[in-house]
C-alpha cells in the first residue's frame, strides 16, 4: 500500500517545480526580469537558463499543502512538515542548503532540524526521520553527512531538456538541450 507522507510530497514537489519551471519559462519572453536565457556561439553549443530565487520560491509556495510548506530564503530551503502520530500533529522543521553535486543530482545539506520541539541532537533527529520517515526511491538520507541526496530526472518538454547545473545567489542555472 502506498503511503503519502511529507517526505514523499517534498521530493515530488521538487520534481514538479522543475516541470512547472519549464512551462513557466515557455510563457515568458526573453526580457522577463526573473529569467535570463543566454545563448553561446554555436562552437560551444550551450544554451542556459537562470531562474532567480524569487521565481523558484514563487513556485515552491504554489506547491505548498497543509501538510508541507516549502520556502526559499536566499540560498536556503526551509521545509516545514506536519504529520499525524498517535492522534497528535507533529511538526518537523528542516533548514537545508541545496547544492548541485552532479548532472541533475542535488545534495540538500541539513543546517538545522527539529521534530516536535524535542531537545535532540541533529543526528538523533535524523535517525528518527530515517527510521520512521518514508523517502522516495530517488532520495537518500545520509545521517553521518547530515544531508539528503536527490537524483532528479532531466526536465523534458517537447524535445527540449533542462538540466540543473548549479545554484548560487543569482539563481538556479540550467543547461538547455534541444534535440535536433
Protein backbone atom coordinates (compact mmCIF):
# COMPACT_ATOMS: atom_id res chain seq x y z
CA UNK A 1 0.00 0.00 0.00
CA UNK A 2 1.38 3.41 -0.96
CA UNK A 3 1.64 5.84 1.95
CA UNK A 4 1.62 9.52 1.11
CA UNK A 5 3.63 11.39 3.70
CA UNK A 6 5.51 14.66 3.91
CA UNK A 7 8.82 13.30 2.63
CA UNK A 8 7.25 11.83 -0.47
CA UNK A 9 5.41 15.08 -1.07
CA UNK A 10 8.60 17.13 -0.57
CA UNK A 11 10.57 15.36 -3.24
CA UNK A 12 7.60 15.08 -5.58
CA UNK A 13 7.25 18.84 -5.21
CA UNK A 14 10.90 19.35 -6.16
CA UNK A 15 10.30 17.32 -9.31
CA UNK A 16 7.10 19.25 -10.03
CA UNK A 17 8.93 22.53 -9.56
CA UNK A 18 11.26 21.57 -12.34
CA UNK A 19 8.36 20.71 -14.65
CA UNK A 20 6.50 23.89 -13.74
CA UNK A 21 9.66 25.86 -14.41
CA UNK A 22 9.74 24.61 -17.99
CA UNK A 23 6.11 25.53 -18.54
CA UNK A 24 6.60 28.94 -16.91
CA UNK A 25 9.68 29.69 -18.99
CA UNK A 26 7.83 28.78 -22.16
CA UNK A 27 5.31 31.52 -21.35
CA UNK A 28 7.84 34.22 -20.53
CA UNK A 29 9.54 36.44 -23.02
CA UNK A 30 13.32 36.76 -23.02
CA UNK A 31 13.02 40.26 -21.48
CA UNK A 32 11.47 38.97 -18.26
CA UNK A 33 13.39 40.21 -15.20
CA UNK A 34 13.06 36.85 -13.40
CA UNK A 35 14.53 34.69 -16.13
CA UNK A 36 17.79 35.03 -18.01
CA UNK A 37 18.30 32.95 -21.14
CA UNK A 38 21.71 33.09 -22.76
CA UNK A 39 22.90 31.60 -25.99
CA UNK A 40 26.55 30.97 -26.66
CA UNK A 41 28.23 30.69 -30.05
CA UNK A 42 27.48 27.51 -32.00
CA UNK A 43 31.01 26.22 -31.41
CA UNK A 44 30.24 25.91 -27.70
CA UNK A 45 26.69 24.71 -28.27
CA UNK A 46 25.36 25.62 -24.81
CA UNK A 47 22.15 27.47 -24.06
CA UNK A 48 21.46 28.28 -20.44
CA UNK A 49 18.52 29.36 -18.35
CA UNK A 50 18.73 31.12 -14.98
CA UNK A 51 15.74 31.38 -12.68
CA UNK A 52 16.08 33.98 -9.96
CA UNK A 53 15.47 32.72 -6.40
CA UNK A 54 12.23 34.74 -6.23
CA UNK A 55 10.84 32.80 -9.21
CA UNK A 56 11.82 29.45 -7.67
CA UNK A 57 10.32 30.49 -4.32
CA UNK A 58 7.09 31.57 -6.04
CA UNK A 59 6.62 28.08 -7.47
CA UNK A 60 7.66 26.38 -4.24
CA UNK A 61 4.95 28.28 -2.38
CA UNK A 62 2.34 27.41 -5.01
CA UNK A 63 3.02 23.73 -4.33
CA UNK A 64 2.54 24.06 -0.56
CA UNK A 65 -0.08 21.90 1.10
CA UNK A 66 -1.48 21.82 4.62
CA UNK A 67 1.00 19.04 5.43
CA UNK A 68 4.08 20.55 3.74
CA UNK A 69 5.30 24.13 3.46
CA UNK A 70 8.39 24.99 1.39
CA UNK A 71 10.09 28.35 1.10
CA UNK A 72 13.36 29.58 -0.32
CA UNK A 73 15.14 32.33 1.60
CA UNK A 74 18.38 33.35 -0.01
CA UNK A 75 20.13 30.09 -0.76
CA UNK A 76 18.35 28.08 1.95
CA UNK A 77 15.31 25.87 1.53
CA UNK A 78 13.00 25.78 4.57
CA UNK A 79 10.86 22.65 4.89
CA UNK A 80 8.04 22.56 7.43
CA UNK A 81 6.12 19.31 7.52
CA UNK A 82 3.15 18.31 9.62
CA UNK A 83 2.28 14.66 10.20
CA UNK A 84 -0.06 12.76 12.48
CA UNK A 85 1.35 10.33 15.01
CA UNK A 86 -0.81 8.74 17.72
CA UNK A 87 -3.55 11.33 17.14
CA UNK A 88 -1.05 14.16 17.61
CA UNK A 89 0.04 16.66 14.97
CA UNK A 90 3.84 16.55 14.78
CA UNK A 91 5.78 19.47 13.26
CA UNK A 92 9.12 18.79 11.57
CA UNK A 93 11.20 21.81 10.62
CA UNK A 94 14.25 21.35 8.37
CA UNK A 95 16.52 24.10 7.08
CA UNK A 96 18.64 22.96 4.13
CA UNK A 97 21.02 24.37 1.58
CA UNK A 98 20.55 22.81 -1.88
CA UNK A 99 23.80 22.12 -3.75
CA UNK A 100 24.13 20.63 -7.24
CA UNK A 101 26.75 17.86 -6.96
CA UNK A 102 26.47 16.39 -10.43
CA UNK A 103 24.36 16.31 -13.52
CA UNK A 104 20.82 16.68 -12.08
CA UNK A 105 21.98 15.46 -8.67
CA UNK A 106 21.15 17.57 -5.63
CA UNK A 107 22.51 17.40 -2.12
CA UNK A 108 20.34 19.10 0.48
CA UNK A 109 22.77 19.97 3.29
CA UNK A 110 20.80 19.94 6.53
CA UNK A 111 21.65 23.05 8.54
CA UNK A 112 19.04 22.60 11.26
CA UNK A 113 16.31 20.09 12.03
CA UNK A 114 13.70 19.83 14.78
CA UNK A 115 10.88 17.36 15.32
CA UNK A 116 8.04 18.41 17.63
CA UNK A 117 10.38 20.66 19.59
CA UNK A 118 12.18 17.64 21.07
CA UNK A 119 15.58 18.52 22.57
CA UNK A 120 17.52 16.04 20.42
CA UNK A 121 20.81 16.41 18.59
CA UNK A 122 20.75 16.75 14.81
CA UNK A 123 21.98 13.16 14.35
CA UNK A 124 19.35 11.78 16.75
CA UNK A 125 16.62 13.67 14.92
CA UNK A 126 17.87 12.47 11.52
CA UNK A 127 17.93 8.90 12.83
CA UNK A 128 14.26 9.33 13.80
CA UNK A 129 13.49 10.55 10.28
CA UNK A 130 15.44 7.67 8.73
CA UNK A 131 13.66 5.14 10.94
CA UNK A 132 10.09 6.44 10.70
CA UNK A 133 10.11 8.53 7.52
CA UNK A 134 9.23 7.10 4.13
CA UNK A 135 11.53 8.55 1.47
CA UNK A 136 11.04 8.07 -2.28
CA UNK A 137 13.40 5.72 -4.16
CA UNK A 138 15.39 8.59 -5.67
CA UNK A 139 16.09 10.18 -2.26
CA UNK A 140 18.70 9.02 0.24
CA UNK A 141 19.23 10.38 3.75
CA UNK A 142 22.87 10.30 4.87
CA UNK A 143 22.76 10.74 8.64
CA UNK A 144 26.57 10.86 9.02
CA UNK A 145 26.98 13.65 6.43
CA UNK A 146 23.72 15.30 7.57
CA UNK A 147 22.20 15.64 4.12
CA UNK A 148 19.66 14.29 1.65
CA UNK A 149 20.71 13.19 -1.83
CA UNK A 150 18.14 13.69 -4.57
CA UNK A 151 18.63 12.21 -8.04
CA UNK A 152 16.50 14.30 -10.40
CA UNK A 153 15.46 13.27 -13.86
CA UNK A 154 16.08 15.89 -16.56
CA UNK A 155 13.05 18.06 -17.22
CA UNK A 156 11.82 17.25 -20.71
CA UNK A 157 9.24 19.05 -22.77
CA UNK A 158 8.70 18.58 -26.50
CA UNK A 159 12.26 17.70 -27.50
CA UNK A 160 13.83 20.15 -25.05
CA UNK A 161 15.56 19.09 -21.85
CA UNK A 162 16.60 21.24 -18.89
CA UNK A 163 19.48 20.01 -16.76
CA UNK A 164 20.17 21.71 -13.43
CA UNK A 165 23.87 22.62 -13.34
CA UNK A 166 24.32 24.81 -10.27
CA UNK A 167 22.63 27.02 -7.72
CA UNK A 168 24.03 30.28 -6.37
CA UNK A 169 22.83 33.66 -5.12
CA UNK A 170 21.94 34.77 -8.66
CA UNK A 171 19.61 31.83 -9.24
CA UNK A 172 19.08 28.25 -10.32
CA UNK A 173 21.03 27.57 -13.50
CA UNK A 174 20.03 25.08 -16.20
CA UNK A 175 21.58 23.92 -19.45
CA UNK A 176 19.04 23.70 -22.26
CA UNK A 177 19.43 20.80 -24.68
CA UNK A 178 17.35 20.82 -27.85
CA UNK A 179 17.04 17.57 -29.76
CA UNK A 180 17.53 18.05 -33.48
